[in-house]
C-alpha atoms as a PDB file:
ATOM      1  CA  PHE A   1      69.673  19.731  -3.203  1.00  0.00           C
ATOM      2  CA  ILE A   2      68.568  17.096  -6.105  1.00  0.00           C
ATOM      3  CA  GLY A   3      66.293  20.173  -7.468  1.00  0.00           C
ATOM      4  CA  PRO A   4      68.686  22.799  -7.854  1.00  0.00           C
ATOM      5  CA  THR A   5      71.292  20.186  -8.668  1.00  0.00           C
ATOM      6  CA  LEU A   6      69.087  18.957 -11.957  1.00  0.00           C
ATOM      7  CA  LEU A   7      68.559  22.597 -12.753  1.00  0.00           C
ATOM      8  CA  LEU A   8      72.506  23.791 -13.223  1.00  0.00           C
ATOM      9  CA  LEU A   9      73.141  19.951 -14.763  1.00  0.00           C
ATOM     10  CA  THR A  10      70.447  20.774 -17.392  1.00  0.00           C
ATOM     11  CA  HIS A  11      71.199  24.323 -18.003  1.00  0.00           C
ATOM     12  CA  THR A  12      74.964  23.653 -18.376  1.00  0.00           C
ATOM     13  CA  PHE A  13      74.669  20.428 -20.363  1.00  0.00           C
ATOM     14  CA  PRO A  14      76.579  19.817 -22.357  1.00  0.00           C
ATOM     15  CA  LYS A  15      79.018  22.621 -21.735  1.00  0.00           C
ATOM     16  CA  ASP A  16      81.712  22.457 -19.401  1.00  0.00           C
ATOM     17  CA  LYS A  17      81.032  26.147 -16.922  1.00  0.00           C
ATOM     18  CA  ILE A  18      77.702  27.433 -15.696  1.00  0.00           C
ATOM     19  CA  LYS A  19      76.350  29.944 -17.585  1.00  0.00           C
ATOM     20  CA  LEU A  20      73.770  30.747 -15.381  1.00  0.00           C
ATOM     21  CA  SER A  21      73.932  34.397 -14.230  1.00  0.00           C
ATOM     22  CA  ILE A  22      74.602  35.473 -10.907  1.00  0.00           C
ATOM     23  CA  PRO A  23      71.885  36.511  -9.221  1.00  0.00           C
ATOM     24  CA  LYS A  24      69.789  33.647 -10.651  1.00  0.00           C
ATOM     25  CA  LEU A  25      72.730  31.229  -9.561  1.00  0.00           C
ATOM     26  CA  MET A  26      72.145  33.308  -5.903  1.00  0.00           C
ATOM     27  CA  ALA A  27      68.256  32.936  -6.590  1.00  0.00           C
ATOM     28  CA  LEU A  28      68.296  29.078  -6.901  1.00  0.00           C
ATOM     29  CA  SER A  29      71.110  29.040  -3.882  1.00  0.00           C
ATOM     30  CA  ALA A  30      68.299  30.908  -1.534  1.00  0.00           C
ATOM     31  CA  LEU A  31      65.630  28.945  -2.342  1.00  0.00           C
ATOM     32  CA  CYS A  32      67.895  25.402  -2.097  1.00  0.00           C
ATOM     33  CA  PHE A  33      68.810  26.400   1.417  1.00  0.00           C
ATOM     34  CA  THR A  34      65.709  27.662   2.546  1.00  0.00           C
ATOM     35  CA  SER A  35      64.008  24.648   1.267  1.00  0.00           C
ATOM     36  CA  ALA A  36      67.223  22.172   3.065  1.00  0.00           C
ATOM     37  CA  THR A  37      67.071  24.530   6.797  1.00  0.00           C
ATOM     38  CA  ALA A  38      63.261  24.464   6.419  1.00  0.00           C
ATOM     39  CA  SER A  39      63.529  20.593   6.185  1.00  0.00           C
ATOM     40  CA  LEU A  40      65.783  19.884   8.464  1.00  0.00           C
ATOM     41  CA  LEU A  41      63.612  22.207  11.308  1.00  0.00           C
ATOM     42  CA  PRO A  42      59.775  20.880  11.522  1.00  0.00           C
ATOM     43  CA  TYR A  43      58.373  22.977   9.037  1.00  0.00           C
ATOM     44  CA  VAL A  44      58.149  20.977   5.919  1.00  0.00           C
ATOM     45  CA  PHE A  45      56.447  18.448   7.541  1.00  0.00           C
ATOM     46  CA  THR A  46      55.165  18.698  11.231  1.00  0.00           C
ATOM     47  CA  GLY A  47      54.666  15.272  12.655  1.00  0.00           C
ATOM     48  CA  ILE A  48      54.190  11.853  11.491  1.00  0.00           C
ATOM     49  CA  GLU A  49      51.116   9.485  11.972  1.00  0.00           C
ATOM     50  CA  TYR A  50      50.151   6.249  11.798  1.00  0.00           C
ATOM     51  CA  PRO A  51      46.987   5.079  10.029  1.00  0.00           C
ATOM     52  CA  ASN A  52      47.028   1.560   9.321  1.00  0.00           C
ATOM     53  CA  GLY A  53      50.025   1.122  10.875  1.00  0.00           C
ATOM     54  CA  GLU A  54      51.988   2.821   7.776  1.00  0.00           C
ATOM     55  CA  PRO A  55      54.063   5.936   8.681  1.00  0.00           C
ATOM     56  CA  VAL A  56      52.267   9.222   7.171  1.00  0.00           C
ATOM     57  CA  PRO A  57      53.906  12.124   7.309  1.00  0.00           C
ATOM     58  CA  THR A  58      51.977  15.569   7.928  1.00  0.00           C
ATOM     59  CA  PRO A  59      52.639  18.310   5.901  1.00  0.00           C
ATOM     60  CA  GLY A  60      54.038  21.397   7.868  1.00  0.00           C
ATOM     61  CA  PRO A  61      53.845  25.075   6.365  1.00  0.00           C
ATOM     62  CA  ALA A  62      56.990  24.906   4.468  1.00  0.00           C
ATOM     63  CA  ILE A  63      55.322  22.442   2.154  1.00  0.00           C
ATOM     64  CA  PRO A  64      54.752  25.065  -0.494  1.00  0.00           C
ATOM     65  CA  ILE A  65      58.700  25.840  -0.547  1.00  0.00           C
ATOM     66  CA  PHE A  66      59.784  22.017  -0.468  1.00  0.00           C
ATOM     67  CA  PHE A  67      57.438  21.382  -3.563  1.00  0.00           C
ATOM     68  CA  ILE A  68      58.410  24.693  -5.886  1.00  0.00           C
ATOM     69  CA  ASP A  69      62.413  23.147  -5.019  1.00  0.00           C
ATOM     70  CA  PHE A  70      61.615  19.516  -5.291  1.00  0.00           C
ATOM     71  CA  ALA A  71      58.854  19.310  -8.195  1.00  0.00           C
ATOM     72  CA  GLY A  72      59.180  22.872  -9.469  1.00  0.00           C
ATOM     73  CA  LEU A  73      63.052  22.704 -10.478  1.00  0.00           C
ATOM     74  CA  PHE A  74      62.038  19.016 -12.075  1.00  0.00           C
ATOM     75  CA  VAL A  75      59.476  20.395 -13.919  1.00  0.00           C
ATOM     76  CA  PHE A  76      61.385  23.418 -15.419  1.00  0.00           C
ATOM     77  CA  SER A  77      64.546  21.019 -15.890  1.00  0.00           C
ATOM     78  CA  PHE A  78      62.694  18.854 -17.980  1.00  0.00           C
ATOM     79  CA  VAL A  79      60.816  21.525 -20.262  1.00  0.00           C
ATOM     80  CA  LEU A  80      64.769  23.178 -20.680  1.00  0.00           C
ATOM     81  CA  LEU A  81      65.563  19.456 -21.664  1.00  0.00           C
ATOM     82  CA  ILE A  82      63.248  19.149 -23.924  1.00  0.00           C
ATOM     83  CA  TYR A  83      64.011  22.505 -25.643  1.00  0.00           C
ATOM     84  CA  LYS A  84      67.210  21.916 -26.154  1.00  0.00           C
ATOM     85  CA  TYR A  85      66.762  18.490 -27.387  1.00  0.00           C
ATOM     86  CA  ARG A  86      64.688  20.273 -30.212  1.00  0.00           C
ATOM     87  CA  LYS A  87      67.136  22.555 -30.920  1.00  0.00           C
ATOM     88  CA  SER A  88      69.669  19.786 -31.525  1.00  0.00           C
ATOM     89  CA  ILE A  89      70.387  17.670 -34.669  1.00  0.00           C
ATOM     90  CA  GLY A  90      72.011  14.386 -35.687  1.00  0.00           C
ATOM     91  CA  LEU A  91      74.097  12.421 -33.369  1.00  0.00           C
ATOM     92  CA  GLU A  92      73.321  15.089 -31.086  1.00  0.00           C
ATOM     93  CA  LYS A  93      69.803  14.634 -30.864  1.00  0.00           C
ATOM     94  CA  VAL A  94      69.622  11.089 -29.874  1.00  0.00           C
ATOM     95  CA  GLN A  95      72.309  11.508 -26.971  1.00  0.00           C
ATOM     96  CA  HIS A  96      69.782  14.258 -25.714  1.00  0.00           C
ATOM     97  CA  TYR A  97      67.105  11.995 -26.207  1.00  0.00           C
ATOM     98  CA  TYR A  98      68.604   9.422 -24.102  1.00  0.00           C
ATOM     99  CA  PHE A  99      69.692  11.640 -21.726  1.00  0.00           C
ATOM    100  CA  LEU A 100      66.413  13.181 -21.663  1.00  0.00           C
ATOM    101  CA  LEU A 101      64.205  10.421 -21.095  1.00  0.00           C
ATOM    102  CA  GLY A 102      66.699   8.865 -18.464  1.00  0.00           C
ATOM    103  CA  ILE A 103      66.067  12.267 -16.806  1.00  0.00           C
ATOM    104  CA  ILE A 104      62.312  12.181 -17.054  1.00  0.00           C
ATOM    105  CA  ILE A 105      61.920   8.721 -16.091  1.00  0.00           C
ATOM    106  CA  THR A 106      63.585   8.734 -12.946  1.00  0.00           C
ATOM    107  CA  PHE A 107      62.850  12.263 -11.626  1.00  0.00           C
ATOM    108  CA  SER A 108      59.371  11.805 -12.539  1.00  0.00           C
ATOM    109  CA  MET A 109      58.982   8.527 -10.555  1.00  0.00           C
ATOM    110  CA  MET A 110      60.992   9.920  -7.473  1.00  0.00           C
ATOM    111  CA  ALA A 111      58.946  12.614  -7.091  1.00  0.00           C
ATOM    112  CA  ILE A 112      55.770  10.791  -7.542  1.00  0.00           C
ATOM    113  CA  THR A 113      56.998   7.824  -5.039  1.00  0.00           C
ATOM    114  CA  THR A 114      58.924  10.362  -2.529  1.00  0.00           C
ATOM    115  CA  VAL A 115      56.459  13.343  -2.448  1.00  0.00           C
ATOM    116  CA  VAL A 116      53.134  13.197  -4.629  1.00  0.00           C
ATOM    117  CA  PHE A 117      52.098   9.854  -2.543  1.00  0.00           C
ATOM    118  CA  VAL A 118      52.827  10.947   0.755  1.00  0.00           C
ATOM    119  CA  VAL A 119      51.647  14.505   0.671  1.00  0.00           C
ATOM    120  CA  ILE A 120      48.889  14.425  -1.327  1.00  0.00           C
ATOM    121  CA  PHE A 121      47.778  10.635  -0.985  1.00  0.00           C
ATOM    122  CA  LYS A 122      48.727  10.034   2.255  1.00  0.00           C
ATOM    123  CA  PHE A 123      50.872   6.782   1.380  1.00  0.00           C
ATOM    124  CA  SER A 124      54.299   6.303   1.840  1.00  0.00           C
ATOM    125  CA  GLY A 125      54.244   2.552   0.799  1.00  0.00           C
ATOM    126  CA  LEU A 126      56.294   3.274  -2.068  1.00  0.00           C
ATOM    127  CA  VAL A 127      58.715   5.890  -0.731  1.00  0.00           C
ATOM    128  CA  PHE A 128      61.726   2.855  -1.121  1.00  0.00           C
ATOM    129  CA  LEU A 129      61.024   3.171  -5.102  1.00  0.00           C
ATOM    130  CA  GLY A 130      62.396   6.964  -5.265  1.00  0.00           C
ATOM    131  CA  PRO A 131      66.440   5.959  -4.815  1.00  0.00           C
ATOM    132  CA  ILE A 132      65.969   2.654  -7.020  1.00  0.00           C
ATOM    133  CA  SER A 133      64.610   5.320  -9.731  1.00  0.00           C
ATOM    134  CA  ALA A 134      67.877   6.441 -10.297  1.00  0.00           C
ATOM    135  CA  LEU A 135      68.439   3.059 -11.831  1.00  0.00           C
ATOM    136  CA  PHE A 136      66.561   4.578 -15.186  1.00  0.00           C
ATOM    137  CA  LEU A 137      68.874   7.301 -15.272  1.00  0.00           C
ATOM    138  CA  ILE A 138      71.714   4.812 -14.993  1.00  0.00           C
ATOM    139  CA  ALA A 139      70.872   2.716 -17.271  1.00  0.00           C
ATOM    140  CA  PHE A 140      69.733   5.530 -20.140  1.00  0.00           C
ATOM    141  CA  VAL A 141      72.988   7.102 -20.022  1.00  0.00           C
ATOM    142  CA  ALA A 142      75.443   4.107 -20.058  1.00  0.00           C
ATOM    143  CA  TYR A 143      73.480   3.415 -23.111  1.00  0.00           C
ATOM    144  CA  ALA A 144      73.743   6.485 -24.851  1.00  0.00           C
ATOM    145  CA  ILE A 145      77.755   6.405 -23.596  1.00  0.00           C
ATOM    146  CA  VAL A 146      77.986   3.245 -24.759  1.00  0.00           C
ATOM    147  CA  ARG A 147      75.694   2.801 -28.633  1.00  0.00           C
ATOM    148  CA  HIS A 148      76.130   6.430 -29.433  1.00  0.00           C
ATOM    149  CA  ARG A 149      79.467   7.893 -27.808  1.00  0.00           C
ATOM    150  CA  PHE A 150      77.303  10.390 -25.422  1.00  0.00           C
ATOM    151  CA  LEU A 151      80.308  11.080 -23.226  1.00  0.00           C
ATOM    152  CA  ASP A 152      84.158  11.123 -24.369  1.00  0.00           C
ATOM    153  CA  ILE A 153      84.916   8.609 -21.524  1.00  0.00           C
ATOM    154  CA  ARG A 154      88.407   7.523 -22.884  1.00  0.00           C
ATOM    155  CA  LEU A 155      89.872   9.849 -20.413  1.00  0.00           C
ATOM    156  CA  VAL A 156      88.174   8.698 -17.723  1.00  0.00           C
ATOM    157  CA  VAL A 157      88.402   4.814 -18.597  1.00  0.00           C
ATOM    158  CA  ALA A 158      92.625   5.433 -18.927  1.00  0.00           C
ATOM    159  CA  ARG A 159      93.032   7.677 -15.555  1.00  0.00           C
ATOM    160  CA  THR A 160      90.950   4.856 -14.243  1.00  0.00           C
ATOM    161  CA  VAL A 161      93.273   2.123 -15.348  1.00  0.00           C
ATOM    162  CA  SER A 162      96.631   3.877 -14.768  1.00  0.00           C
ATOM    163  CA  PHE A 163      95.455   4.865 -10.942  1.00  0.00           C
ATOM    164  CA  SER A 164      94.265   1.106 -10.578  1.00  0.00           C
ATOM    165  CA  LEU A 165      97.204   0.207 -11.880  1.00  0.00           C
ATOM    166  CA  LEU A 166      99.378   2.475  -9.546  1.00  0.00           C
ATOM    167  CA  ILE A 167      97.181   1.300  -6.828  1.00  0.00           C
ATOM    168  CA  VAL A 168      98.240  -2.245  -7.393  1.00  0.00           C
ATOM    169  CA  TYR A 169     101.885  -1.394  -7.866  1.00  0.00           C
ATOM    170  CA  VAL A 170     101.788   0.720  -4.182  1.00  0.00           C
ATOM    171  CA  GLY A 171      99.607  -2.156  -2.141  1.00  0.00           C
ATOM    172  CA  LEU A 172     102.472  -4.996  -3.533  1.00  0.00           C
ATOM    173  CA  VAL A 173     105.709  -2.480  -2.538  1.00  0.00           C
ATOM    174  CA  TYR A 174     103.910  -1.828   0.696  1.00  0.00           C
ATOM    175  CA  ALA A 175     102.785  -5.618   1.450  1.00  0.00           C
ATOM    176  CA  LEU A 176     106.695  -7.036   0.007  1.00  0.00           C
ATOM    177  CA  LEU A 177     108.169  -4.071   2.584  1.00  0.00           C
ATOM    178  CA  PHE A 178     106.160  -5.083   5.343  1.00  0.00           C
ATOM    179  CA  ALA A 179     106.523  -8.773   4.749  1.00  0.00           C
ATOM    180  CA  SER A 180     110.225  -8.089   4.634  1.00  0.00           C
ATOM    181  CA  LEU A 181     110.216  -5.962   8.134  1.00  0.00           C
ATOM    182  CA  LEU A 182     108.310  -8.680   9.798  1.00  0.00           C
ATOM    183  CA  ALA A 183     111.175 -11.280   8.196  1.00  0.00           C
ATOM    184  CA  LEU A 184     113.759  -8.970   9.802  1.00  0.00           C
ATOM    185  CA  PHE A 185     112.069  -8.257  13.037  1.00  0.00           C
ATOM    186  CA  PRO A 186     110.028 -11.102  14.006  1.00  0.00           C
END
């Protein structure tokens, strides 16, 4: 679901509502669920081999669908983000730059280490770097938020603080009530 989710994010960003037409959204959903179903069945990878003691999956007949869903949607999302970056001006351009840089580094590294090396080069030694690559996106977005007011996070921070205080208060009341009941009924 990463490819379709990234495409929806880049297509919608910075708006708060999805503007993708219903037929395109349905086609995207069909691709997503076809790829997910093929991944659960033995069609994307049919087996696993152990040359030199390293596990290497054997690509199956549905690997092109998986490639379109994964790598194809990544590339399309990158192109869309670059287009939006080129159209933006001022502070928005700087914000888009860091978002674009984080997305491209993260998802390129993820695609290369988890798909390209495994399927094309038959090497799975770098698969562990796929999930770790999300740290690049987190770092670039955090920098853009702090330095360039990328997202308006004041409301999120205010709610987080108020909910945290509420949880502490409810927890203290519960603990005092529980302690009082234990003192009354040993």
